PDB file of N, CA and C in Angstrom:
ATOM      1  N   ASN A   1      15.674   1.915  22.761  1.00  0.00           N
ATOM      2  CA  ASN A   1      16.316   2.907  23.599  1.00  0.00           C
ATOM      3  C   ASN A   1      15.448   4.140  23.680  1.00  0.00           C
ATOM      4  N   GLY A   2      14.695   4.265  24.735  1.00  0.00           N
ATOM      5  CA  GLY A   2      13.851   5.428  24.866  1.00  0.00           C
ATOM      6  C   GLY A   2      13.224   5.511  26.239  1.00  0.00           C
ATOM      7  N   ALA A   3      12.518   6.607  26.453  1.00  0.00           N
ATOM      8  CA  ALA A   3      11.852   6.824  27.729  1.00  0.00           C
ATOM      9  C   ALA A   3      10.733   7.831  27.516  1.00  0.00           C
ATOM     10  N   ALA A   4       9.864   7.934  28.511  1.00  0.00           N
ATOM     11  CA  ALA A   4       8.765   8.901  28.452  1.00  0.00           C
ATOM     12  C   ALA A   4       8.482   9.410  29.856  1.00  0.00           C
ATOM     13  N   TYR A   5       8.012  10.647  29.917  1.00  0.00           N
ATOM     14  CA  TYR A   5       7.597  11.247  31.180  1.00  0.00           C
ATOM     15  C   TYR A   5       6.116  11.582  31.077  1.00  0.00           C
ATOM     16  N   PHE A   6       5.317  10.980  31.958  1.00  0.00           N
ATOM     17  CA  PHE A   6       3.884  11.210  32.017  1.00  0.00           C
ATOM     18  C   PHE A   6       3.621  12.180  33.163  1.00  0.00           C
ATOM     19  N   GLY A   7       3.366  13.444  32.863  1.00  0.00           N
ATOM     20  CA  GLY A   7       3.174  14.459  33.884  1.00  0.00           C
ATOM     21  C   GLY A   7       1.804  14.395  34.534  1.00  0.00           C
ATOM     22  N   LEU A   8       1.721  14.898  35.766  1.00  0.00           N
ATOM     23  CA  LEU A   8       0.447  14.952  36.476  1.00  0.00           C
ATOM     24  C   LEU A   8      -0.565  15.822  35.739  1.00  0.00           C
ATOM     25  N   ASP A   9      -0.075  16.785  34.958  1.00  0.00           N
ATOM     26  CA  ASP A   9      -0.957  17.672  34.201  1.00  0.00           C
ATOM     27  C   ASP A   9      -1.345  17.081  32.846  1.00  0.00           C
ATOM     28  N   ARG A  10      -1.048  15.796  32.659  1.00  0.00           N
ATOM     29  CA  ARG A  10      -1.349  15.025  31.445  1.00  0.00           C
ATOM     30  C   ARG A  10      -0.428  15.365  30.268  1.00  0.00           C
ATOM     31  N   ARG A  11       0.616  16.136  30.511  1.00  0.00           N
ATOM     32  CA  ARG A  11       1.599  16.358  29.451  1.00  0.00           C
ATOM     33  C   ARG A  11       2.475  15.124  29.342  1.00  0.00           C
ATOM     34  N   LEU A  12       2.962  14.881  28.129  1.00  0.00           N
ATOM     35  CA  LEU A  12       3.782  13.714  27.855  1.00  0.00           C
ATOM     36  C   LEU A  12       4.997  14.150  27.052  1.00  0.00           C
ATOM     37  N   HIS A  13       6.157  13.770  27.537  1.00  0.00           N
ATOM     38  CA  HIS A  13       7.416  14.036  26.833  1.00  0.00           C
ATOM     39  C   HIS A  13       8.111  12.693  26.649  1.00  0.00           C
ATOM     40  N   ALA A  14       8.574  12.420  25.444  1.00  0.00           N
ATOM     41  CA  ALA A  14       9.226  11.146  25.158  1.00  0.00           C
ATOM     42  C   ALA A  14      10.464  11.388  24.310  1.00  0.00           C
ATOM     43  N   TRP A  15      11.387  10.454  24.375  1.00  0.00           N
ATOM     44  CA  TRP A  15      12.572  10.557  23.540  1.00  0.00           C
ATOM     45  C   TRP A  15      13.084   9.157  23.262  1.00  0.00           C
ATOM     46  N   THR A  16      13.747   9.041  22.143  1.00  0.00           N
ATOM     47  CA  THR A  16      14.329   7.775  21.731  1.00  0.00           C
ATOM     48  C   THR A  16      15.546   8.074  20.860  1.00  0.00           C
ATOM     49  N   ALA A  17      16.401   7.112  20.708  1.00  0.00           N
ATOM     50  CA  ALA A  17      17.585   7.269  19.870  1.00  0.00           C
ATOM     51  C   ALA A  17      17.742   6.001  19.042  1.00  0.00           C
ATOM     52  N   GLY A  18      18.145   6.184  17.830  1.00  0.00           N
ATOM     53  CA  GLY A  18      18.372   5.048  16.961  1.00  0.00           C
ATOM     54  C   GLY A  18      19.094   5.493  15.707  1.00  0.00           C
ATOM     55  N   GLU A  19      19.842   4.612  15.139  1.00  0.00           N
ATOM     56  CA  GLU A  19      20.557   4.850  13.889  1.00  0.00           C
ATOM     57  C   GLU A  19      21.016   6.295  13.711  1.00  0.00           C
ATOM     58  N   ASP A  20      21.845   6.761  14.603  1.00  0.00           N
ATOM     59  CA  ASP A  20      22.499   8.074  14.507  1.00  0.00           C
ATOM     60  C   ASP A  20      21.573   9.272  14.608  1.00  0.00           C
ATOM     61  N   LYS A  21      20.396   9.119  15.173  1.00  0.00           N
ATOM     62  CA  LYS A  21      19.565  10.309  15.347  1.00  0.00           C
ATOM     63  C   LYS A  21      18.715  10.207  16.600  1.00  0.00           C
ATOM     64  N   ALA A  22      18.580  11.334  17.235  1.00  0.00           N
ATOM     65  CA  ALA A  22      17.719  11.438  18.411  1.00  0.00           C
ATOM     66  C   ALA A  22      16.361  11.975  17.963  1.00  0.00           C
ATOM     67  N   VAL A  23      15.307  11.468  18.570  1.00  0.00           N
ATOM     68  CA  VAL A  23      13.949  11.884  18.245  1.00  0.00           C
ATOM     69  C   VAL A  23      13.235  12.203  19.549  1.00  0.00           C
ATOM     70  N   VAL A  24      12.488  13.299  19.567  1.00  0.00           N
ATOM     71  CA  VAL A  24      11.718  13.664  20.752  1.00  0.00           C
ATOM     72  C   VAL A  24      10.243  13.746  20.391  1.00  0.00           C
ATOM     73  N   GLY A  25       9.412  13.423  21.353  1.00  0.00           N
ATOM     74  CA  GLY A  25       7.966  13.504  21.170  1.00  0.00           C
ATOM     75  C   GLY A  25       7.364  14.372  22.256  1.00  0.00           C
ATOM     76  N   GLU A  26       6.397  15.194  21.862  1.00  0.00           N
ATOM     77  CA  GLU A  26       5.690  16.027  22.825  1.00  0.00           C
ATOM     78  C   GLU A  26       4.205  15.898  22.578  1.00  0.00           C
ATOM     79  N   GLY A  27       3.451  15.864  23.662  1.00  0.00           N
ATOM     80  CA  GLY A  27       2.007  15.737  23.524  1.00  0.00           C
ATOM     81  C   GLY A  27       1.346  15.580  24.873  1.00  0.00           C
ATOM     82  N   ARG A  28       0.351  14.688  24.918  1.00  0.00           N
ATOM     83  CA  ARG A  28      -0.395  14.478  26.155  1.00  0.00           C
ATOM     84  C   ARG A  28      -0.803  13.021  26.266  1.00  0.00           C
ATOM     85  N   TRP A  29      -1.140  12.622  27.476  1.00  0.00           N
ATOM     86  CA  TRP A  29      -1.700  11.305  27.697  1.00  0.00           C
ATOM     87  C   TRP A  29      -3.107  11.488  28.235  1.00  0.00           C
ATOM     88  N   LEU A  30      -3.951  10.491  28.014  1.00  0.00           N
ATOM     89  CA  LEU A  30      -5.345  10.598  28.429  1.00  0.00           C
ATOM     90  C   LEU A  30      -5.943   9.229  28.664  1.00  0.00           C
ATOM     91  N   LEU A  31      -7.065   9.224  29.352  1.00  0.00           N
ATOM     92  CA  LEU A  31      -7.846   8.011  29.562  1.00  0.00           C
ATOM     93  C   LEU A  31      -9.185   8.218  28.876  1.00  0.00           C
ATOM     94  N   THR A  32      -9.616   7.212  28.107  1.00  0.00           N
ATOM     95  CA  THR A  32     -10.887   7.334  27.393  1.00  0.00           C
ATOM     96  C   THR A  32     -12.040   6.902  28.298  1.00  0.00           C
ATOM     97  N   ASP A  33     -13.259   7.180  27.854  1.00  0.00           N
ATOM     98  CA  ASP A  33     -14.454   6.765  28.601  1.00  0.00           C
ATOM     99  C   ASP A  33     -14.555   5.254  28.710  1.00  0.00           C
ATOM    100  N   THR A  34     -13.899   4.528  27.799  1.00  0.00           N
ATOM    101  CA  THR A  34     -13.941   3.063  27.823  1.00  0.00           C
ATOM    102  C   THR A  34     -12.738   2.468  28.549  1.00  0.00           C
ATOM    103  N   GLY A  35     -11.920   3.308  29.190  1.00  0.00           N
ATOM    104  CA  GLY A  35     -10.828   2.810  30.013  1.00  0.00           C
ATOM    105  C   GLY A  35      -9.503   2.592  29.301  1.00  0.00           C
ATOM    106  N   LYS A  36      -9.388   3.028  28.071  1.00  0.00           N
ATOM    107  CA  LYS A  36      -8.111   2.886  27.368  1.00  0.00           C
ATOM    108  C   LYS A  36      -7.160   3.994  27.795  1.00  0.00           C
ATOM    109  N   MET A  37      -5.866   3.683  27.834  1.00  0.00           N
ATOM    110  CA  MET A  37      -4.831   4.682  28.106  1.00  0.00           C
ATOM    111  C   MET A  37      -4.232   5.045  26.750  1.00  0.00           C
ATOM    112  N   CYS A  38      -4.292   6.347  26.425  1.00  0.00           N
ATOM    113  CA  CYS A  38      -3.828   6.795  25.112  1.00  0.00           C
ATOM    114  C   CYS A  38      -2.742   7.857  25.246  1.00  0.00           C
ATOM    115  N   MET A  39      -1.922   7.921  24.220  1.00  0.00           N
ATOM    116  CA  MET A  39      -0.888   8.945  24.115  1.00  0.00           C
ATOM    117  C   MET A  39      -1.070   9.643  22.774  1.00  0.00           C
ATOM    118  N   GLU A  40      -1.078  10.955  22.785  1.00  0.00           N
ATOM    119  CA  GLU A  40      -1.105  11.742  21.553  1.00  0.00           C
ATOM    120  C   GLU A  40       0.220  12.480  21.470  1.00  0.00           C
ATOM    121  N   LEU A  41       1.069  12.041  20.550  1.00  0.00           N
ATOM    122  CA  LEU A  41       2.421  12.584  20.446  1.00  0.00           C
ATOM    123  C   LEU A  41       2.732  13.060  19.038  1.00  0.00           C
ATOM    124  N   ALA A  42       3.453  14.171  18.963  1.00  0.00           N
ATOM    125  CA  ALA A  42       4.053  14.635  17.719  1.00  0.00           C
ATOM    126  C   ALA A  42       5.556  14.431  17.880  1.00  0.00           C
ATOM    127  N   TRP A  43       6.170  13.730  16.937  1.00  0.00           N
ATOM    128  CA  TRP A  43       7.601  13.426  16.999  1.00  0.00           C
ATOM    129  C   TRP A  43       8.372  14.376  16.098  1.00  0.00           C
ATOM    130  N   ARG A  44       9.607  14.701  16.518  1.00  0.00           N
ATOM    131  CA  ARG A  44      10.458  15.530  15.667  1.00  0.00           C
ATOM    132  C   ARG A  44      11.923  15.197  15.901  1.00  0.00           C
ATOM    133  N   SER A  45      12.687  15.458  14.871  1.00  0.00           N
ATOM    134  CA  SER A  45      14.141  15.318  14.931  1.00  0.00           C
ATOM    135  C   SER A  45      14.726  16.465  14.123  1.00  0.00           C
ATOM    136  N   LYS A  46      16.000  16.414  13.853  1.00  0.00           N
ATOM    137  CA  LYS A  46      16.620  17.457  13.027  1.00  0.00           C
ATOM    138  C   LYS A  46      16.104  17.421  11.594  1.00  0.00           C
ATOM    139  N   THR A  47      15.621  16.254  11.150  1.00  0.00           N
ATOM    140  CA  THR A  47      15.254  16.105   9.739  1.00  0.00           C
ATOM    141  C   THR A  47      13.760  15.984   9.453  1.00  0.00           C
ATOM    142  N   TYR A  48      12.917  15.832  10.474  1.00  0.00           N
ATOM    143  CA  TYR A  48      11.482  15.719  10.210  1.00  0.00           C
ATOM    144  C   TYR A  48      10.655  16.064  11.438  1.00  0.00           C
ATOM    145  N   ALA A  49       9.359  16.262  11.198  1.00  0.00           N
ATOM    146  CA  ALA A  49       8.385  16.484  12.272  1.00  0.00           C
ATOM    147  C   ALA A  49       7.072  15.848  11.839  1.00  0.00           C
ATOM    148  N   THR A  50       6.339  15.277  12.800  1.00  0.00           N
ATOM    149  CA  THR A  50       5.063  14.646  12.491  1.00  0.00           C
ATOM    150  C   THR A  50       3.931  15.415  13.146  1.00  0.00           C
ATOM    151  N   LYS A  51       2.733  15.183  12.659  1.00  0.00           N
ATOM    152  CA  LYS A  51       1.537  15.701  13.318  1.00  0.00           C
ATOM    153  C   LYS A  51       1.231  14.768  14.493  1.00  0.00           C
ATOM    154  N   PRO A  52       0.502  15.255  15.494  1.00  0.00           N
ATOM    155  CA  PRO A  52       0.171  14.379  16.623  1.00  0.00           C
ATOM    156  C   PRO A  52      -0.584  13.127  16.158  1.00  0.00           C
ATOM    157  N   LYS A  53      -0.206  12.002  16.728  1.00  0.00           N
ATOM    158  CA  LYS A  53      -0.847  10.725  16.418  1.00  0.00           C
ATOM    159  C   LYS A  53      -1.245  10.072  17.733  1.00  0.00           C
ATOM    160  N   ARG A  54      -2.463   9.518  17.765  1.00  0.00           N
ATOM    161  CA  ARG A  54      -2.949   8.855  18.977  1.00  0.00           C
ATOM    162  C   ARG A  54      -2.650   7.362  18.911  1.00  0.00           C
ATOM    163  N   THR A  55      -2.054   6.855  19.999  1.00  0.00           N
ATOM    164  CA  THR A  55      -1.809   5.429  20.176  1.00  0.00           C
ATOM    165  C   THR A  55      -2.446   5.039  21.498  1.00  0.00           C
ATOM    166  N   CYS A  56      -3.276   3.981  21.492  1.00  0.00           N
ATOM    167  CA  CYS A  56      -3.995   3.576  22.697  1.00  0.00           C
ATOM    168  C   CYS A  56      -3.655   2.145  23.095  1.00  0.00           C
ATOM    169  N   TYR A  57      -3.804   1.883  24.385  1.00  0.00           N
ATOM    170  CA  TYR A  57      -3.554   0.559  24.949  1.00  0.00           C
ATOM    171  C   TYR A  57      -4.749   0.131  25.785  1.00  0.00           C
ATOM    172  N   SER A  58      -5.105  -1.145  25.652  1.00  0.00           N
ATOM    173  CA  SER A  58      -6.146  -1.748  26.485  1.00  0.00           C
ATOM    174  C   SER A  58      -5.475  -2.594  27.554  1.00  0.00           C
ATOM    175  N   HIS A  59      -6.190  -2.779  28.653  1.00  0.00           N
ATOM    176  CA  HIS A  59      -5.686  -3.592  29.760  1.00  0.00           C
ATOM    177  C   HIS A  59      -6.777  -4.549  30.211  1.00  0.00           C
ATOM    178  N   ARG A  60      -6.353  -5.696  30.703  1.00  0.00           N
ATOM    179  CA  ARG A  60      -7.295  -6.664  31.264  1.00  0.00           C
ATOM    180  C   ARG A  60      -6.590  -7.439  32.370  1.00  0.00           C
ATOM    181  N   ILE A  61      -7.394  -8.057  33.229  1.00  0.00           N
ATOM    182  CA  ILE A  61      -6.843  -8.915  34.275  1.00  0.00           C
ATOM    183  C   ILE A  61      -7.127 -10.351  33.875  1.00  0.00           C
ATOM    184  N   GLU A  62      -6.071 -11.142  33.827  1.00  0.00           N
ATOM    185  CA  GLU A  62      -6.160 -12.550  33.441  1.00  0.00           C
ATOM    186  C   GLU A  62      -5.385 -13.363  34.472  1.00  0.00           C
ATOM    187  N   SER A  63      -6.073 -14.214  35.212  1.00  0.00           N
ATOM    188  CA  SER A  63      -5.444 -15.040  36.256  1.00  0.00           C
ATOM    189  C   SER A  63      -4.671 -14.205  37.266  1.00  0.00           C
ATOM    190  N   GLY A  64      -5.196 -13.046  37.613  1.00  0.00           N
ATOM    191  CA  GLY A  64      -4.550 -12.186  38.595  1.00  0.00           C
ATOM    192  C   GLY A  64      -3.448 -11.305  38.035  1.00  0.00           C
ATOM    193  N   ASN A  65      -3.103 -11.487  36.769  1.00  0.00           N
ATOM    194  CA  ASN A  65      -2.065 -10.689  36.129  1.00  0.00           C
ATOM    195  C   ASN A  65      -2.699  -9.580  35.303  1.00  0.00           C
ATOM    196  N   ILE A  66      -2.054  -8.416  35.247  1.00  0.00           N
ATOM    197  CA  ILE A  66      -2.520  -7.340  34.379  1.00  0.00           C
ATOM    198  C   ILE A  66      -1.834  -7.505  33.029  1.00  0.00           C
ATOM    199  N   GLU A  67      -2.639  -7.601  31.979  1.00  0.00           N
ATOM    200  CA  GLU A  67      -2.116  -7.716  30.622  1.00  0.00           C
ATOM    201  C   GLU A  67      -2.429  -6.443  29.852  1.00  0.00           C
ATOM    202  N   GLN A  68      -1.600  -6.167  28.860  1.00  0.00           N
ATOM    203  CA  GLN A  68      -1.739  -4.949  28.049  1.00  0.00           C
ATOM    204  C   GLN A  68      -1.591  -5.321  26.582  1.00  0.00           C
ATOM    205  N   ARG A  69      -2.227  -4.528  25.724  1.00  0.00           N
ATOM    206  CA  ARG A  69      -2.021  -4.684  24.290  1.00  0.00           C
ATOM    207  C   ARG A  69      -2.191  -3.338  23.603  1.00  0.00           C
ATOM    208  N   LYS A  70      -1.481  -3.161  22.498  1.00  0.00           N
ATOM    209  CA  LYS A  70      -1.628  -1.959  21.684  1.00  0.00           C
ATOM    210  C   LYS A  70      -2.870  -2.134  20.830  1.00  0.00           C
ATOM    211  N   ASP A  71      -3.743  -1.139  20.866  1.00  0.00           N
ATOM    212  CA  ASP A  71      -4.982  -1.219  20.098  1.00  0.00           C
ATOM    213  C   ASP A  71      -4.734  -0.831  18.640  1.00  0.00           C
ATOM    214  N   PRO A  72      -5.495  -1.351  17.707  1.00  0.00           N
ATOM    215  CA  PRO A  72      -6.711  -2.118  17.956  1.00  0.00           C
ATOM    216  C   PRO A  72      -6.509  -3.629  18.027  1.00  0.00           C
ATOM    217  N   ASP A  73      -5.392  -4.149  17.563  1.00  0.00           N
ATOM    218  CA  ASP A  73      -5.292  -5.607  17.450  1.00  0.00           C
ATOM    219  C   ASP A  73      -3.936  -6.174  17.849  1.00  0.00           C
ATOM    220  N   GLY A  74      -3.238  -5.486  18.766  1.00  0.00           N
ATOM    221  CA  GLY A  74      -1.953  -6.006  19.234  1.00  0.00           C
ATOM    222  C   GLY A  74      -2.117  -7.275  20.054  1.00  0.00           C
ATOM    223  N   GLU A  75      -1.030  -7.971  20.231  1.00  0.00           N
ATOM    224  CA  GLU A  75      -1.030  -9.191  21.042  1.00  0.00           C
ATOM    225  C   GLU A  75      -1.035  -8.819  22.524  1.00  0.00           C
ATOM    226  N   TRP A  76      -1.775  -9.566  23.316  1.00  0.00           N
ATOM    227  CA  TRP A  76      -1.771  -9.353  24.763  1.00  0.00           C
ATOM    228  C   TRP A  76      -0.447  -9.823  25.330  1.00  0.00           C
ATOM    229  N   TYR A  77       0.118  -9.062  26.270  1.00  0.00           N
ATOM    230  CA  TYR A  77       1.349  -9.468  26.941  1.00  0.00           C
ATOM    231  C   TYR A  77       1.269  -9.047  28.411  1.00  0.00           C
ATOM    232  N   ASP A  78       2.063  -9.717  29.240  1.00  0.00           N
ATOM    233  CA  ASP A  78       2.061  -9.428  30.678  1.00  0.00           C
ATOM    234  C   ASP A  78       2.626  -8.038  30.928  1.00  0.00           C
ATOM    235  N   PHE A  79       1.867  -7.239  31.660  1.00  0.00           N
ATOM    236  CA  PHE A  79       2.316  -5.923  32.073  1.00  0.00           C
ATOM    237  C   PHE A  79       2.753  -5.963  33.536  1.00  0.00           C
ATOM    238  N   LYS A  80       1.964  -6.690  34.366  1.00  0.00           N
ATOM    239  CA  LYS A  80       2.291  -6.826  35.789  1.00  0.00           C
ATOM    240  C   LYS A  80       1.724  -8.143  36.292  1.00  0.00           C
ATOM    241  N   HIS A  81       2.608  -8.996  36.800  1.00  0.00           N
ATOM    242  CA  HIS A  81       2.167 -10.255  37.384  1.00  0.00           C
ATOM    243  C   HIS A  81       1.573 -10.012  38.776  1.00  0.00           C
ATOM    244  N   ALA A  82       0.727 -10.925  39.221  1.00  0.00           N
ATOM    245  CA  ALA A  82       0.142 -10.827  40.555  1.00  0.00           C
ATOM    246  C   ALA A  82       1.248 -10.780  41.609  1.00  0.00           C
ATOM    247  N   LYS A  83       2.302 -11.572  41.412  1.00  0.00           N
ATOM    248  CA  LYS A  83       3.488 -11.522  42.273  1.00  0.00           C
ATOM    249  C   LYS A  83       4.568 -10.811  41.474  1.00  0.00           C
ATOM    250  N   ASP A  84       5.178  -9.784  42.061  1.00  0.00           N
ATOM    251  CA  ASP A  84       6.167  -8.978  41.334  1.00  0.00           C
ATOM    252  C   ASP A  84       7.207  -9.838  40.625  1.00  0.00           C
ATOM    253  N   ASP A  85       7.478  -9.463  39.395  1.00  0.00           N
ATOM    254  CA  ASP A  85       8.478 -10.121  38.564  1.00  0.00           C
ATOM    255  C   ASP A  85       9.386  -9.012  38.017  1.00  0.00           C
ATOM    256  N   PRO A  86      10.701  -9.116  38.196  1.00  0.00           N
ATOM    257  CA  PRO A  86      11.605  -8.064  37.723  1.00  0.00           C
ATOM    258  C   PRO A  86      11.502  -7.799  36.218  1.00  0.00           C
ATOM    259  N   ALA A  87      10.980  -8.745  35.463  1.00  0.00           N
ATOM    260  CA  ALA A  87      10.867  -8.575  34.013  1.00  0.00           C
ATOM    261  C   ALA A  87       9.577  -7.865  33.598  1.00  0.00           C
ATOM    262  N   ASP A  88       8.676  -7.589  34.541  1.00  0.00           N
ATOM    263  CA  ASP A  88       7.401  -6.941  34.204  1.00  0.00           C
ATOM    264  C   ASP A  88       7.612  -5.553  33.610  1.00  0.00           C
ATOM    265  N   GLU A  89       6.777  -5.219  32.634  1.00  0.00           N
ATOM    266  CA  GLU A  89       6.837  -3.899  31.993  1.00  0.00           C
ATOM    267  C   GLU A  89       6.688  -2.769  33.004  1.00  0.00           C
ATOM    268  N   HIS A  90       5.816  -2.946  33.983  1.00  0.00           N
ATOM    269  CA  HIS A  90       5.569  -1.867  34.941  1.00  0.00           C
ATOM    270  C   HIS A  90       6.818  -1.537  35.753  1.00  0.00           C
ATOM    271  N   GLN A  91       7.788  -2.438  35.805  1.00  0.00           N
ATOM    272  CA  GLN A  91       9.028  -2.173  36.544  1.00  0.00           C
ATOM    273  C   GLN A  91       9.840  -1.044  35.908  1.00  0.00           C
ATOM    274  N   LYS A  92       9.535  -0.726  34.650  1.00  0.00           N
ATOM    275  CA  LYS A  92      10.253   0.348  33.954  1.00  0.00           C
ATOM    276  C   LYS A  92       9.774   1.728  34.393  1.00  0.00           C
ATOM    277  N   PHE A  93       8.640   1.810  35.085  1.00  0.00           N
ATOM    278  CA  PHE A  93       8.081   3.091  35.500  1.00  0.00           C
ATOM    279  C   PHE A  93       8.758   3.578  36.775  1.00  0.00           C
ATOM    280  N   GLU A  94       9.023   4.865  36.832  1.00  0.00           N
ATOM    281  CA  GLU A  94       9.596   5.497  38.011  1.00  0.00           C
ATOM    282  C   GLU A  94       8.849   6.785  38.285  1.00  0.00           C
ATOM    283  N   ALA A  95       8.768   7.154  39.538  1.00  0.00           N
ATOM    284  CA  ALA A  95       8.150   8.435  39.883  1.00  0.00           C
ATOM    285  C   ALA A  95       9.040   9.563  39.383  1.00  0.00           C
ATOM    286  N   GLY A  96       8.414  10.611  38.836  1.00  0.00           N
ATOM    287  CA  GLY A  96       9.207  11.707  38.270  1.00  0.00           C
ATOM    288  C   GLY A  96       9.033  12.994  39.006  1.00  0.00           C
TER     289      GLY A  96
END
């Protein structure tokens, strides 16, 4: 249960809820020289706060489909099929 807003100015705001507590993240998103999409977020709730942590994702095209994985060693999964599929991850994105 969560969502994120990727601003045109590269600001990133995220929030999630679980086990009786809401958590918000603030930071930025960026693209590396090697083409990775990264998020640097600091999370906080009523009971804790973290320092910013970078999480990056790699993308590749396989058989016309865009696949994504969490770096450095996540499993590849379908992000967007060549023909739209309602279950694709990219379907969760909306213009803000």
